[in-house]
């Protein structure tokens, strides 16, 4: 991505948590985001893969963390390829 995009998610308790989008892709009709919890490019952060589970009637996008290991491994390989030319190092 050329411009850093920040999204704010709310926890189950309503607490806002900021994530920074590193890349996004669409696979089999499903949108996925690779995000990090660090907005500072000189600082290491944790990476997460989010799946857009929004329905048409939802006013805002609804994301959930990908927790299935097989799905996560597959998406990790996809995002690694997408970011191959970027100055981002993804470690698993």
PDB file of N, CA and C in Angstrom:
ATOM      1  N   UNK A   1       0.846  -1.168   0.000  1.00  0.00           N
ATOM      2  CA  UNK A   1       0.000   0.000   0.000  1.00  0.00           C
ATOM      3  C   UNK A   1       0.889   1.227   0.000  1.00  0.00           C
ATOM      4  N   UNK A   2       0.489   2.231  -0.678  1.00  0.00           N
ATOM      5  CA  UNK A   2       1.308   3.418  -0.788  1.00  0.00           C
ATOM      6  C   UNK A   2       1.101   4.369   0.370  1.00  0.00           C
ATOM      7  N   UNK A   3      -0.042   4.343   0.994  1.00  0.00           N
ATOM      8  CA  UNK A   3      -0.329   5.261   2.069  1.00  0.00           C
ATOM      9  C   UNK A   3      -0.723   4.461   3.297  1.00  0.00           C
ATOM     10  N   UNK A   4      -0.195   4.843   4.455  1.00  0.00           N
ATOM     11  CA  UNK A   4      -0.514   4.120   5.668  1.00  0.00           C
ATOM     12  C   UNK A   4      -1.955   4.411   6.068  1.00  0.00           C
ATOM     13  N   UNK A   5      -2.708   3.361   6.258  1.00  0.00           N
ATOM     14  CA  UNK A   5      -4.104   3.482   6.640  1.00  0.00           C
ATOM     15  C   UNK A   5      -4.254   2.946   8.051  1.00  0.00           C
ATOM     16  N   UNK A   6      -4.945   3.697   8.891  1.00  0.00           N
ATOM     17  CA  UNK A   6      -5.167   3.279  10.264  1.00  0.00           C
ATOM     18  C   UNK A   6      -6.640   2.935  10.423  1.00  0.00           C
ATOM     19  N   UNK A   7      -6.903   1.807  11.073  1.00  0.00           N
ATOM     20  CA  UNK A   7      -8.275   1.453  11.397  1.00  0.00           C
ATOM     21  C   UNK A   7      -8.367   1.286  12.904  1.00  0.00           C
ATOM     22  N   UNK A   8      -9.525   1.564  13.436  1.00  0.00           N
ATOM     23  CA  UNK A   8      -9.755   1.418  14.867  1.00  0.00           C
ATOM     24  C   UNK A   8     -10.840   0.380  15.066  1.00  0.00           C
ATOM     25  N   UNK A   9     -10.516  -0.642  15.825  1.00  0.00           N
ATOM     26  CA  UNK A   9     -11.471  -1.690  16.171  1.00  0.00           C
ATOM     27  C   UNK A   9     -11.859  -1.517  17.626  1.00  0.00           C
ATOM     28  N   UNK A  10     -13.026  -2.028  17.969  1.00  0.00           N
ATOM     29  CA  UNK A  10     -13.452  -2.002  19.363  1.00  0.00           C
ATOM     30  C   UNK A  10     -13.431  -3.410  19.921  1.00  0.00           C
ATOM     31  N   UNK A  11     -12.894  -3.533  21.116  1.00  0.00           N
ATOM     32  CA  UNK A  11     -12.884  -4.822  21.797  1.00  0.00           C
ATOM     33  C   UNK A  11     -14.296  -5.139  22.273  1.00  0.00           C
ATOM     34  N   UNK A  12     -14.478  -6.318  22.816  1.00  0.00           N
ATOM     35  CA  UNK A  12     -15.784  -6.712  23.351  1.00  0.00           C
ATOM     36  C   UNK A  12     -16.238  -5.793  24.482  1.00  0.00           C
ATOM     37  N   UNK A  13     -15.271  -5.158  25.140  1.00  0.00           N
ATOM     38  CA  UNK A  13     -15.597  -4.245  26.235  1.00  0.00           C
ATOM     39  C   UNK A  13     -15.758  -2.801  25.758  1.00  0.00           C
ATOM     40  N   UNK A  14     -15.651  -2.574  24.447  1.00  0.00           N
ATOM     41  CA  UNK A  14     -15.833  -1.235  23.891  1.00  0.00           C
ATOM     42  C   UNK A  14     -14.575  -0.392  23.836  1.00  0.00           C
ATOM     43  N   UNK A  15     -13.446  -0.959  24.215  1.00  0.00           N
ATOM     44  CA  UNK A  15     -12.181  -0.225  24.197  1.00  0.00           C
ATOM     45  C   UNK A  15     -11.652  -0.126  22.765  1.00  0.00           C
ATOM     46  N   UNK A  16     -11.285   1.082  22.306  1.00  0.00           N
ATOM     47  CA  UNK A  16     -10.745   1.214  20.942  1.00  0.00           C
ATOM     48  C   UNK A  16      -9.297   0.747  20.854  1.00  0.00           C
ATOM     49  N   UNK A  17      -8.977   0.044  19.757  1.00  0.00           N
ATOM     50  CA  UNK A  17      -7.615  -0.433  19.515  1.00  0.00           C
ATOM     51  C   UNK A  17      -7.254  -0.064  18.077  1.00  0.00           C
ATOM     52  N   UNK A  18      -6.125   0.629  17.903  1.00  0.00           N
ATOM     53  CA  UNK A  18      -5.692   1.057  16.572  1.00  0.00           C
ATOM     54  C   UNK A  18      -4.792   0.007  15.931  1.00  0.00           C
ATOM     55  N   UNK A  19      -5.004  -0.196  14.629  1.00  0.00           N
ATOM     56  CA  UNK A  19      -4.156  -1.061  13.821  1.00  0.00           C
ATOM     57  C   UNK A  19      -3.803  -0.312  12.547  1.00  0.00           C
ATOM     58  N   UNK A  20      -2.655  -0.635  11.988  1.00  0.00           N
ATOM     59  CA  UNK A  20      -2.176   0.003  10.769  1.00  0.00           C
ATOM     60  C   UNK A  20      -2.144  -1.038   9.662  1.00  0.00           C
ATOM     61  N   UNK A  21      -2.799  -0.735   8.553  1.00  0.00           N
ATOM     62  CA  UNK A  21      -2.947  -1.684   7.452  1.00  0.00           C
ATOM     63  C   UNK A  21      -1.657  -1.724   6.638  1.00  0.00           C
ATOM     64  N   UNK A  22      -1.083  -2.919   6.522  1.00  0.00           N
ATOM     65  CA  UNK A  22       0.111  -3.116   5.706  1.00  0.00           C
ATOM     66  C   UNK A  22      -0.255  -3.521   4.283  1.00  0.00           C
ATOM     67  N   UNK A  23      -1.297  -4.334   4.157  1.00  0.00           N
ATOM     68  CA  UNK A  23      -1.710  -4.827   2.837  1.00  0.00           C
ATOM     69  C   UNK A  23      -3.130  -5.358   2.949  1.00  0.00           C
ATOM     70  N   UNK A  24      -3.806  -5.412   1.827  1.00  0.00           N
ATOM     71  CA  UNK A  24      -5.130  -6.015   1.775  1.00  0.00           C
ATOM     72  C   UNK A  24      -5.251  -6.833   0.497  1.00  0.00           C
ATOM     73  N   UNK A  25      -6.106  -7.849   0.557  1.00  0.00           N
ATOM     74  CA  UNK A  25      -6.317  -8.698  -0.607  1.00  0.00           C
ATOM     75  C   UNK A  25      -7.721  -9.272  -0.538  1.00  0.00           C
ATOM     76  N   UNK A  26      -8.176  -9.777  -1.670  1.00  0.00           N
ATOM     77  CA  UNK A  26      -9.485 -10.427  -1.763  1.00  0.00           C
ATOM     78  C   UNK A  26      -9.264 -11.823  -2.335  1.00  0.00           C
ATOM     79  N   UNK A  27      -9.712 -12.823  -1.605  1.00  0.00           N
ATOM     80  CA  UNK A  27      -9.547 -14.215  -2.011  1.00  0.00           C
ATOM     81  C   UNK A  27     -10.892 -14.921  -1.848  1.00  0.00           C
ATOM     82  N   UNK A  28     -11.325 -15.571  -2.932  1.00  0.00           N
ATOM     83  CA  UNK A  28     -12.594 -16.309  -2.916  1.00  0.00           C
ATOM     84  C   UNK A  28     -13.753 -15.464  -2.387  1.00  0.00           C
ATOM     85  N   UNK A  29     -13.798 -14.198  -2.799  1.00  0.00           N
ATOM     86  CA  UNK A  29     -14.889 -13.314  -2.418  1.00  0.00           C
ATOM     87  C   UNK A  29     -14.807 -12.757  -1.009  1.00  0.00           C
ATOM     88  N   UNK A  30     -13.712 -13.021  -0.302  1.00  0.00           N
ATOM     89  CA  UNK A  30     -13.551 -12.556   1.077  1.00  0.00           C
ATOM     90  C   UNK A  30     -12.402 -11.558   1.131  1.00  0.00           C
ATOM     91  N   UNK A  31     -12.609 -10.440   1.824  1.00  0.00           N
ATOM     92  CA  UNK A  31     -11.566  -9.430   1.982  1.00  0.00           C
ATOM     93  C   UNK A  31     -10.753  -9.711   3.246  1.00  0.00           C
ATOM     94  N   UNK A  32      -9.433  -9.570   3.112  1.00  0.00           N
ATOM     95  CA  UNK A  32      -8.518  -9.786   4.227  1.00  0.00           C
ATOM     96  C   UNK A  32      -7.586  -8.589   4.352  1.00  0.00           C
ATOM     97  N   UNK A  33      -7.219  -8.267   5.594  1.00  0.00           N
ATOM     98  CA  UNK A  33      -6.253  -7.211   5.870  1.00  0.00           C
ATOM     99  C   UNK A  33      -5.091  -7.794   6.663  1.00  0.00           C
ATOM    100  N   UNK A  34      -3.893  -7.387   6.313  1.00  0.00           N
ATOM    101  CA  UNK A  34      -2.718  -7.654   7.132  1.00  0.00           C
ATOM    102  C   UNK A  34      -2.448  -6.366   7.883  1.00  0.00           C
ATOM    103  N   UNK A  35      -2.536  -6.406   9.205  1.00  0.00           N
ATOM    104  CA  UNK A  35      -2.385  -5.207  10.015  1.00  0.00           C
ATOM    105  C   UNK A  35      -1.293  -5.399  11.055  1.00  0.00           C
ATOM    106  N   UNK A  36      -0.813  -4.272  11.573  1.00  0.00           N
ATOM    107  CA  UNK A  36       0.159  -4.295  12.663  1.00  0.00           C
ATOM    108  C   UNK A  36      -0.319  -3.342  13.746  1.00  0.00           C
ATOM    109  N   UNK A  37       0.158  -3.572  14.954  1.00  0.00           N
ATOM    110  CA  UNK A  37      -0.215  -2.692  16.064  1.00  0.00           C
ATOM    111  C   UNK A  37       0.772  -1.541  16.243  1.00  0.00           C
ATOM    112  N   UNK A  38       1.760  -1.442  15.366  1.00  0.00           N
ATOM    113  CA  UNK A  38       2.763  -0.383  15.464  1.00  0.00           C
ATOM    114  C   UNK A  38       2.684   0.543  14.251  1.00  0.00           C
ATOM    115  N   UNK A  39       2.523   1.833  14.514  1.00  0.00           N
ATOM    116  CA  UNK A  39       2.493   2.814  13.440  1.00  0.00           C
ATOM    117  C   UNK A  39       3.859   3.381  13.120  1.00  0.00           C
ATOM    118  N   UNK A  40       4.875   2.987  13.887  1.00  0.00           N
ATOM    119  CA  UNK A  40       6.237   3.493  13.718  1.00  0.00           C
ATOM    120  C   UNK A  40       7.033   2.495  12.883  1.00  0.00           C
ATOM    121  N   UNK A  41       7.489   2.921  11.707  1.00  0.00           N
ATOM    122  CA  UNK A  41       8.200   2.001  10.817  1.00  0.00           C
ATOM    123  C   UNK A  41       9.541   1.531  11.380  1.00  0.00           C
ATOM    124  N   UNK A  42      10.090   2.238  12.367  1.00  0.00           N
ATOM    125  CA  UNK A  42      11.346   1.829  12.979  1.00  0.00           C
ATOM    126  C   UNK A  42      11.142   0.894  14.170  1.00  0.00           C
ATOM    127  N   UNK A  43       9.899   0.637  14.509  1.00  0.00           N
ATOM    128  CA  UNK A  43       9.577  -0.196  15.665  1.00  0.00           C
ATOM    129  C   UNK A  43       8.923  -1.498  15.209  1.00  0.00           C
ATOM    130  N   UNK A  44       9.343  -2.607  15.793  1.00  0.00           N
ATOM    131  CA  UNK A  44       8.714  -3.890  15.485  1.00  0.00           C
ATOM    132  C   UNK A  44       7.331  -3.930  16.112  1.00  0.00           C
ATOM    133  N   UNK A  45       6.408  -4.512  15.404  1.00  0.00           N
ATOM    134  CA  UNK A  45       5.053  -4.669  15.930  1.00  0.00           C
ATOM    135  C   UNK A  45       4.545  -6.062  15.646  1.00  0.00           C
ATOM    136  N   UNK A  46       3.458  -6.399  16.261  1.00  0.00           N
ATOM    137  CA  UNK A  46       2.802  -7.680  16.021  1.00  0.00           C
ATOM    138  C   UNK A  46       1.926  -7.543  14.783  1.00  0.00           C
ATOM    139  N   UNK A  47       1.905  -8.585  13.958  1.00  0.00           N
ATOM    140  CA  UNK A  47       1.046  -8.604  12.775  1.00  0.00           C
ATOM    141  C   UNK A  47      -0.142  -9.518  13.017  1.00  0.00           C
ATOM    142  N   UNK A  48      -1.259  -9.133  12.438  1.00  0.00           N
ATOM    143  CA  UNK A  48      -2.487  -9.908  12.540  1.00  0.00           C
ATOM    144  C   UNK A  48      -3.152  -9.933  11.174  1.00  0.00           C
ATOM    145  N   UNK A  49      -3.912 -10.978  10.918  1.00  0.00           N
ATOM    146  CA  UNK A  49      -4.699 -11.052   9.695  1.00  0.00           C
ATOM    147  C   UNK A  49      -6.163 -10.954  10.098  1.00  0.00           C
ATOM    148  N   UNK A  50      -6.848  -9.993   9.498  1.00  0.00           N
ATOM    149  CA  UNK A  50      -8.256  -9.773   9.777  1.00  0.00           C
ATOM    150  C   UNK A  50      -9.091 -10.170   8.574  1.00  0.00           C
ATOM    151  N   UNK A  51     -10.255 -10.722   8.839  1.00  0.00           N
ATOM    152  CA  UNK A  51     -11.198 -11.105   7.788  1.00  0.00           C
ATOM    153  C   UNK A  51     -12.418 -10.193   7.899  1.00  0.00           C
ATOM    154  N   UNK A  52     -12.858  -9.645   6.763  1.00  0.00           N
ATOM    155  CA  UNK A  52     -14.046  -8.804   6.735  1.00  0.00           C
ATOM    156  C   UNK A  52     -15.276  -9.713   6.722  1.00  0.00           C
ATOM    157  N   UNK A  53     -16.032  -9.689   7.799  1.00  0.00           N
ATOM    158  CA  UNK A  53     -17.233 -10.517   7.912  1.00  0.00           C
ATOM    159  C   UNK A  53     -18.495  -9.656   7.889  1.00  0.00           C
ATOM    160  N   UNK A  54     -18.382  -8.455   7.304  1.00  0.00           N
ATOM    161  CA  UNK A  54     -19.507  -7.517   7.235  1.00  0.00           C
ATOM    162  C   UNK A  54     -20.647  -8.092   6.412  1.00  0.00           C
ATOM    163  N   UNK A  55     -21.851  -7.709   6.798  1.00  0.00           N
ATOM    164  CA  UNK A  55     -23.048  -8.022   6.014  1.00  0.00           C
ATOM    165  C   UNK A  55     -23.533  -6.728   5.387  1.00  0.00           C
ATOM    166  N   UNK A  56     -24.378  -6.816   4.394  1.00  0.00           N
ATOM    167  CA  UNK A  56     -24.864  -5.626   3.697  1.00  0.00           C
ATOM    168  C   UNK A  56     -25.537  -4.653   4.657  1.00  0.00           C
ATOM    169  N   UNK A  57     -26.232  -5.159   5.658  1.00  0.00           N
ATOM    170  CA  UNK A  57     -26.960  -4.286   6.574  1.00  0.00           C
ATOM    171  C   UNK A  57     -26.079  -3.635   7.638  1.00  0.00           C
ATOM    172  N   UNK A  58     -24.817  -4.042   7.738  1.00  0.00           N
ATOM    173  CA  UNK A  58     -23.896  -3.427   8.692  1.00  0.00           C
ATOM    174  C   UNK A  58     -23.510  -2.039   8.197  1.00  0.00           C
ATOM    175  N   UNK A  59     -23.573  -1.074   9.094  1.00  0.00           N
ATOM    176  CA  UNK A  59     -23.204   0.289   8.730  1.00  0.00           C
ATOM    177  C   UNK A  59     -21.701   0.461   8.587  1.00  0.00           C
ATOM    178  N   UNK A  60     -20.947  -0.244   9.406  1.00  0.00           N
ATOM    179  CA  UNK A  60     -19.493  -0.185   9.388  1.00  0.00           C
ATOM    180  C   UNK A  60     -18.940  -1.561   9.040  1.00  0.00           C
ATOM    181  N   UNK A  61     -17.703  -1.583   8.629  1.00  0.00           N
ATOM    182  CA  UNK A  61     -17.040  -2.863   8.355  1.00  0.00           C
ATOM    183  C   UNK A  61     -16.886  -3.624   9.666  1.00  0.00           C
ATOM    184  N   UNK A  62     -17.046  -4.927   9.588  1.00  0.00           N
ATOM    185  CA  UNK A  62     -16.897  -5.797  10.751  1.00  0.00           C
ATOM    186  C   UNK A  62     -15.765  -6.776  10.446  1.00  0.00           C
ATOM    187  N   UNK A  63     -14.741  -6.772  11.288  1.00  0.00           N
ATOM    188  CA  UNK A  63     -13.583  -7.634  11.091  1.00  0.00           C
ATOM    189  C   UNK A  63     -13.449  -8.597  12.253  1.00  0.00           C
ATOM    190  N   UNK A  64     -12.918  -9.774  11.946  1.00  0.00           N
ATOM    191  CA  UNK A  64     -12.556 -10.711  13.002  1.00  0.00           C
ATOM    192  C   UNK A  64     -11.153 -11.227  12.709  1.00  0.00           C
ATOM    193  N   UNK A  65     -10.440 -11.590  13.760  1.00  0.00           N
ATOM    194  CA  UNK A  65      -9.097 -12.126  13.617  1.00  0.00           C
ATOM    195  C   UNK A  65      -9.180 -13.528  13.025  1.00  0.00           C
ATOM    196  N   UNK A  66      -8.298 -13.819  12.071  1.00  0.00           N
ATOM    197  CA  UNK A  66      -8.212 -15.169  11.519  1.00  0.00           C
ATOM    198  C   UNK A  66      -7.484 -16.022  12.557  1.00  0.00           C
ATOM    199  N   UNK A  67      -8.134 -17.085  13.010  1.00  0.00           N
ATOM    200  CA  UNK A  67      -7.551 -17.928  14.046  1.00  0.00           C
ATOM    201  C   UNK A  67      -7.299 -19.352  13.564  1.00  0.00           C
ATOM    202  N   UNK A  68      -7.913 -19.744  12.464  1.00  0.00           N
ATOM    203  CA  UNK A  68      -7.711 -21.081  11.922  1.00  0.00           C
ATOM    204  C   UNK A  68      -6.290 -21.183  11.382  1.00  0.00           C
ATOM    205  N   UNK A  69      -5.515 -22.144  11.878  1.00  0.00           N
ATOM    206  CA  UNK A  69      -4.097 -22.258  11.510  1.00  0.00           C
ATOM    207  C   UNK A  69      -3.886 -22.479  10.008  1.00  0.00           C
ATOM    208  N   UNK A  70      -4.696 -23.341   9.390  1.00  0.00           N
ATOM    209  CA  UNK A  70      -4.541 -23.599   7.954  1.00  0.00           C
ATOM    210  C   UNK A  70      -4.825 -22.344   7.139  1.00  0.00           C
ATOM    211  N   UNK A  71      -5.893 -21.643   7.486  1.00  0.00           N
ATOM    212  CA  UNK A  71      -6.241 -20.401   6.794  1.00  0.00           C
ATOM    213  C   UNK A  71      -5.160 -19.352   7.014  1.00  0.00           C
ATOM    214  N   UNK A  72      -4.656 -19.261   8.244  1.00  0.00           N
ATOM    215  CA  UNK A  72      -3.615 -18.285   8.559  1.00  0.00           C
ATOM    216  C   UNK A  72      -2.327 -18.576   7.787  1.00  0.00           C
ATOM    217  N   UNK A  73      -1.923 -19.848   7.711  1.00  0.00           N
ATOM    218  CA  UNK A  73      -0.720 -20.216   6.964  1.00  0.00           C
ATOM    219  C   UNK A  73      -0.850 -19.850   5.493  1.00  0.00           C
ATOM    220  N   UNK A  74      -1.999 -20.163   4.905  1.00  0.00           N
ATOM    221  CA  UNK A  74      -2.252 -19.848   3.501  1.00  0.00           C
ATOM    222  C   UNK A  74      -2.189 -18.342   3.266  1.00  0.00           C
ATOM    223  N   UNK A  75      -2.871 -17.580   4.101  1.00  0.00           N
ATOM    224  CA  UNK A  75      -2.889 -16.125   3.947  1.00  0.00           C
ATOM    225  C   UNK A  75      -1.518 -15.510   4.217  1.00  0.00           C
ATOM    226  N   UNK A  76      -0.783 -16.067   5.145  1.00  0.00           N
ATOM    227  CA  UNK A  76       0.563 -15.583   5.428  1.00  0.00           C
ATOM    228  C   UNK A  76       1.430 -15.685   4.173  1.00  0.00           C
ATOM    229  N   UNK A  77       1.346 -16.814   3.470  1.00  0.00           N
ATOM    230  CA  UNK A  77       2.117 -16.976   2.229  1.00  0.00           C
ATOM    231  C   UNK A  77       1.681 -15.953   1.174  1.00  0.00           C
ATOM    232  N   UNK A  78       0.376 -15.721   1.062  1.00  0.00           N
ATOM    233  CA  UNK A  78      -0.137 -14.737   0.094  1.00  0.00           C
ATOM    234  C   UNK A  78       0.390 -13.348   0.427  1.00  0.00           C
ATOM    235  N   UNK A  79       0.267 -12.932   1.690  1.00  0.00           N
ATOM    236  CA  UNK A  79       0.723 -11.597   2.077  1.00  0.00           C
ATOM    237  C   UNK A  79       2.236 -11.461   1.943  1.00  0.00           C
ATOM    238  N   UNK A  80       2.975 -12.512   2.205  1.00  0.00           N
ATOM    239  CA  UNK A  80       4.425 -12.477   2.033  1.00  0.00           C
ATOM    240  C   UNK A  80       4.780 -12.199   0.571  1.00  0.00           C
ATOM    241  N   UNK A  81       4.080 -12.854  -0.341  1.00  0.00           N
ATOM    242  CA  UNK A  81       4.311 -12.606  -1.772  1.00  0.00           C
ATOM    243  C   UNK A  81       3.912 -11.186  -2.163  1.00  0.00           C
ATOM    244  N   UNK A  82       2.787 -10.707  -1.641  1.00  0.00           N
ATOM    245  CA  UNK A  82       2.333  -9.360  -1.975  1.00  0.00           C
ATOM    246  C   UNK A  82       3.306  -8.290  -1.492  1.00  0.00           C
ATOM    247  N   UNK A  83       3.956  -8.550  -0.386  1.00  0.00           N
ATOM    248  CA  UNK A  83       4.875  -7.568   0.201  1.00  0.00           C
ATOM    249  C   UNK A  83       6.337  -7.826  -0.151  1.00  0.00           C
ATOM    250  N   UNK A  84       6.562  -8.712  -1.094  1.00  0.00           N
ATOM    251  CA  UNK A  84       7.916  -9.096  -1.477  1.00  0.00           C
ATOM    252  C   UNK A  84       8.780  -7.895  -1.857  1.00  0.00           C
ATOM    253  N   UNK A  85       8.229  -6.930  -2.569  1.00  0.00           N
ATOM    254  CA  UNK A  85       8.991  -5.769  -3.016  1.00  0.00           C
ATOM    255  C   UNK A  85       8.944  -4.595  -2.039  1.00  0.00           C
ATOM    256  N   UNK A  86       8.139  -4.709  -0.999  1.00  0.00           N
ATOM    257  CA  UNK A  86       8.038  -3.633  -0.011  1.00  0.00           C
ATOM    258  C   UNK A  86       9.147  -3.789   1.023  1.00  0.00           C
ATOM    259  N   UNK A  87       9.382  -2.733   1.757  1.00  0.00           N
ATOM    260  CA  UNK A  87      10.405  -2.776   2.788  1.00  0.00           C
ATOM    261  C   UNK A  87       9.776  -3.197   4.117  1.00  0.00           C
ATOM    262  N   UNK A  88       9.069  -4.315   4.070  1.00  0.00           N
ATOM    263  CA  UNK A  88       8.403  -4.850   5.259  1.00  0.00           C
ATOM    264  C   UNK A  88       8.864  -6.286   5.431  1.00  0.00           C
ATOM    265  N   UNK A  89       9.307  -6.606   6.620  1.00  0.00           N
ATOM    266  CA  UNK A  89       9.730  -7.962   6.912  1.00  0.00           C
ATOM    267  C   UNK A  89       8.682  -8.609   7.815  1.00  0.00           C
ATOM    268  N   UNK A  90       8.122  -9.703   7.333  1.00  0.00           N
ATOM    269  CA  UNK A  90       7.100 -10.421   8.097  1.00  0.00           C
ATOM    270  C   UNK A  90       7.732 -11.693   8.627  1.00  0.00           C
ATOM    271  N   UNK A  91       7.702 -11.850   9.935  1.00  0.00           N
ATOM    272  CA  UNK A  91       8.234 -13.050  10.570  1.00  0.00           C
ATOM    273  C   UNK A  91       7.093 -13.804  11.216  1.00  0.00           C
ATOM    274  N   UNK A  92       7.132 -15.083  11.092  1.00  0.00           N
ATOM    275  CA  UNK A  92       6.072 -15.901  11.690  1.00  0.00           C
ATOM    276  C   UNK A  92       6.610 -16.610  12.891  1.00  0.00           C
TER     277      UNK A  92
END
